[in-house]
Amino acid sequence: MIKVLFFASYRERLGCDQLELDSSADTVSALKQELAERGDLWKTVLLDRKTLIAVNQVMTKETTTLADGDEVAFFPPVTGG
């Protein structure tokens, strides 16, 4: 089971703050692809190259390997002013 969290505008756009998935995805990239299959909105949000990713609360890249019990968080880039 993988816990997936969505933050900020991703949470608002998807209408979802978290999911628990029985996923066979072995990398973050594969998980993103799996979630993108839920529809065009999911694809638009998650396949954005600017998406920030954390696995178990550590910033990471799409090539990171996933294991059962991991927590994956997706959030948009942050801009300040």
C-alpha atoms as a PDB file:
ATOM      1  CA  MET A   1       0.000   0.000   0.000  1.00  0.00           C
ATOM      2  CA  ILE A   2       1.311   3.455  -0.945  1.00  0.00           C
ATOM      3  CA  LYS A   3      -0.084   6.613   0.614  1.00  0.00           C
ATOM      4  CA  VAL A   4      -0.290   9.497  -1.862  1.00  0.00           C
ATOM      5  CA  LEU A   5      -0.730  13.096  -0.711  1.00  0.00           C
ATOM      6  CA  PHE A   6      -1.637  16.153  -2.790  1.00  0.00           C
ATOM      7  CA  PHE A   7      -0.932  19.694  -1.621  1.00  0.00           C
ATOM      8  CA  ALA A   8      -1.927  23.269  -2.454  1.00  0.00           C
ATOM      9  CA  SER A   9      -3.420  23.807  -5.921  1.00  0.00           C
ATOM     10  CA  TYR A  10      -3.004  20.105  -6.774  1.00  0.00           C
ATOM     11  CA  ARG A  11      -5.341  19.198  -3.917  1.00  0.00           C
ATOM     12  CA  GLU A  12      -7.832  21.837  -5.036  1.00  0.00           C
ATOM     13  CA  ARG A  13      -7.734  20.910  -8.727  1.00  0.00           C
ATOM     14  CA  LEU A  14      -8.036  17.168  -8.134  1.00  0.00           C
ATOM     15  CA  GLY A  15     -10.581  17.512  -5.336  1.00  0.00           C
ATOM     16  CA  CYS A  16      -8.546  15.033  -3.336  1.00  0.00           C
ATOM     17  CA  ASP A  17      -6.012  15.427  -0.552  1.00  0.00           C
ATOM     18  CA  GLN A  18      -4.878  11.809  -0.217  1.00  0.00           C
ATOM     19  CA  LEU A  19      -5.231   8.279  -1.562  1.00  0.00           C
ATOM     20  CA  GLU A  20      -4.111   4.880  -0.374  1.00  0.00           C
ATOM     21  CA  LEU A  21      -3.264   2.676  -3.321  1.00  0.00           C
ATOM     22  CA  ASP A  22      -2.456  -0.950  -3.828  1.00  0.00           C
ATOM     23  CA  SER A  23       0.031  -0.091  -6.533  1.00  0.00           C
ATOM     24  CA  SER A  24       2.579  -2.141  -8.409  1.00  0.00           C
ATOM     25  CA  ALA A  25       4.507   1.048  -9.332  1.00  0.00           C
ATOM     26  CA  ASP A  26       8.179   0.586  -8.544  1.00  0.00           C
ATOM     27  CA  THR A  27       9.222   4.215  -9.102  1.00  0.00           C
ATOM     28  CA  VAL A  28       7.686   7.639  -8.616  1.00  0.00           C
ATOM     29  CA  SER A  29       7.506   8.003 -12.395  1.00  0.00           C
ATOM     30  CA  ALA A  30       5.487   4.780 -12.714  1.00  0.00           C
ATOM     31  CA  LEU A  31       3.171   5.960  -9.933  1.00  0.00           C
ATOM     32  CA  LYS A  32       2.602   9.265 -11.737  1.00  0.00           C
ATOM     33  CA  GLN A  33       1.730   7.376 -14.923  1.00  0.00           C
ATOM     34  CA  GLU A  34      -0.672   5.122 -13.026  1.00  0.00           C
ATOM     35  CA  LEU A  35      -2.431   8.116 -11.480  1.00  0.00           C
ATOM     36  CA  ALA A  36      -2.524   9.950 -14.827  1.00  0.00           C
ATOM     37  CA  GLU A  37      -4.649   7.111 -16.196  1.00  0.00           C
ATOM     38  CA  ARG A  38      -7.492   8.349 -13.983  1.00  0.00           C
ATOM     39  CA  GLY A  39      -8.310  11.019 -16.575  1.00  0.00           C
ATOM     40  CA  ASP A  40      -7.261  14.178 -18.370  1.00  0.00           C
ATOM     41  CA  LEU A  41      -7.265  16.387 -15.263  1.00  0.00           C
ATOM     42  CA  TRP A  42      -5.008  13.930 -13.413  1.00  0.00           C
ATOM     43  CA  LYS A  43      -2.721  13.773 -16.434  1.00  0.00           C
ATOM     44  CA  THR A  44      -2.519  17.564 -16.694  1.00  0.00           C
ATOM     45  CA  VAL A  45      -1.710  18.005 -13.013  1.00  0.00           C
ATOM     46  CA  LEU A  46       0.670  15.114 -12.403  1.00  0.00           C
ATOM     47  CA  LEU A  47       2.620  15.037 -15.636  1.00  0.00           C
ATOM     48  CA  ASP A  48       3.661  18.675 -15.257  1.00  0.00           C
ATOM     49  CA  ARG A  49       7.457  18.657 -15.286  1.00  0.00           C
ATOM     50  CA  LYS A  50       7.530  21.251 -12.503  1.00  0.00           C
ATOM     51  CA  THR A  51       5.797  18.975  -9.987  1.00  0.00           C
ATOM     52  CA  LEU A  52       7.729  18.647  -6.745  1.00  0.00           C
ATOM     53  CA  ILE A  53       7.881  15.224  -5.124  1.00  0.00           C
ATOM     54  CA  ALA A  54       8.664  13.963  -1.645  1.00  0.00           C
ATOM     55  CA  VAL A  55       8.921  10.319  -0.622  1.00  0.00           C
ATOM     56  CA  ASN A  56       8.664   9.722   3.117  1.00  0.00           C
ATOM     57  CA  GLN A  57       9.010  13.487   3.646  1.00  0.00           C
ATOM     58  CA  VAL A  58      12.306  13.765   1.733  1.00  0.00           C
ATOM     59  CA  MET A  59      12.473  15.726  -1.521  1.00  0.00           C
ATOM     60  CA  THR A  60      13.258  13.393  -4.384  1.00  0.00           C
ATOM     61  CA  LYS A  61      13.123  12.746  -8.132  1.00  0.00           C
ATOM     62  CA  GLU A  62      10.912  10.653 -10.376  1.00  0.00           C
ATOM     63  CA  THR A  63      13.530   7.899 -10.550  1.00  0.00           C
ATOM     64  CA  THR A  64      13.214   7.158  -6.823  1.00  0.00           C
ATOM     65  CA  THR A  65      12.289   3.553  -6.090  1.00  0.00           C
ATOM     66  CA  LEU A  66       9.103   2.932  -4.130  1.00  0.00           C
ATOM     67  CA  ALA A  67       8.310   0.239  -1.587  1.00  0.00           C
ATOM     68  CA  ASP A  68       5.177  -0.910   0.167  1.00  0.00           C
ATOM     69  CA  GLY A  69       4.305   1.518   2.968  1.00  0.00           C
ATOM     70  CA  ASP A  70       5.920   4.577   1.358  1.00  0.00           C
ATOM     71  CA  GLU A  71       4.281   7.988   1.489  1.00  0.00           C
ATOM     72  CA  VAL A  72       4.517  10.008  -1.734  1.00  0.00           C
ATOM     73  CA  ALA A  73       3.591  13.704  -1.806  1.00  0.00           C
ATOM     74  CA  PHE A  74       3.021  15.805  -4.920  1.00  0.00           C
ATOM     75  CA  PHE A  75       2.899  19.577  -4.844  1.00  0.00           C
ATOM     76  CA  PRO A  76       3.323  22.486  -7.232  1.00  0.00           C
ATOM     77  CA  PRO A  77       6.444  24.622  -7.323  1.00  0.00           C
ATOM     78  CA  VAL A  78       6.366  27.432  -4.810  1.00  0.00           C
ATOM     79  CA  THR A  79       6.966  31.017  -5.778  1.00  0.00           C
ATOM     80  CA  GLY A  80       7.613  33.800  -3.369  1.00  0.00           C
ATOM     81  CA  GLY A  81       7.583  37.491  -3.505  1.00  0.00           C
END
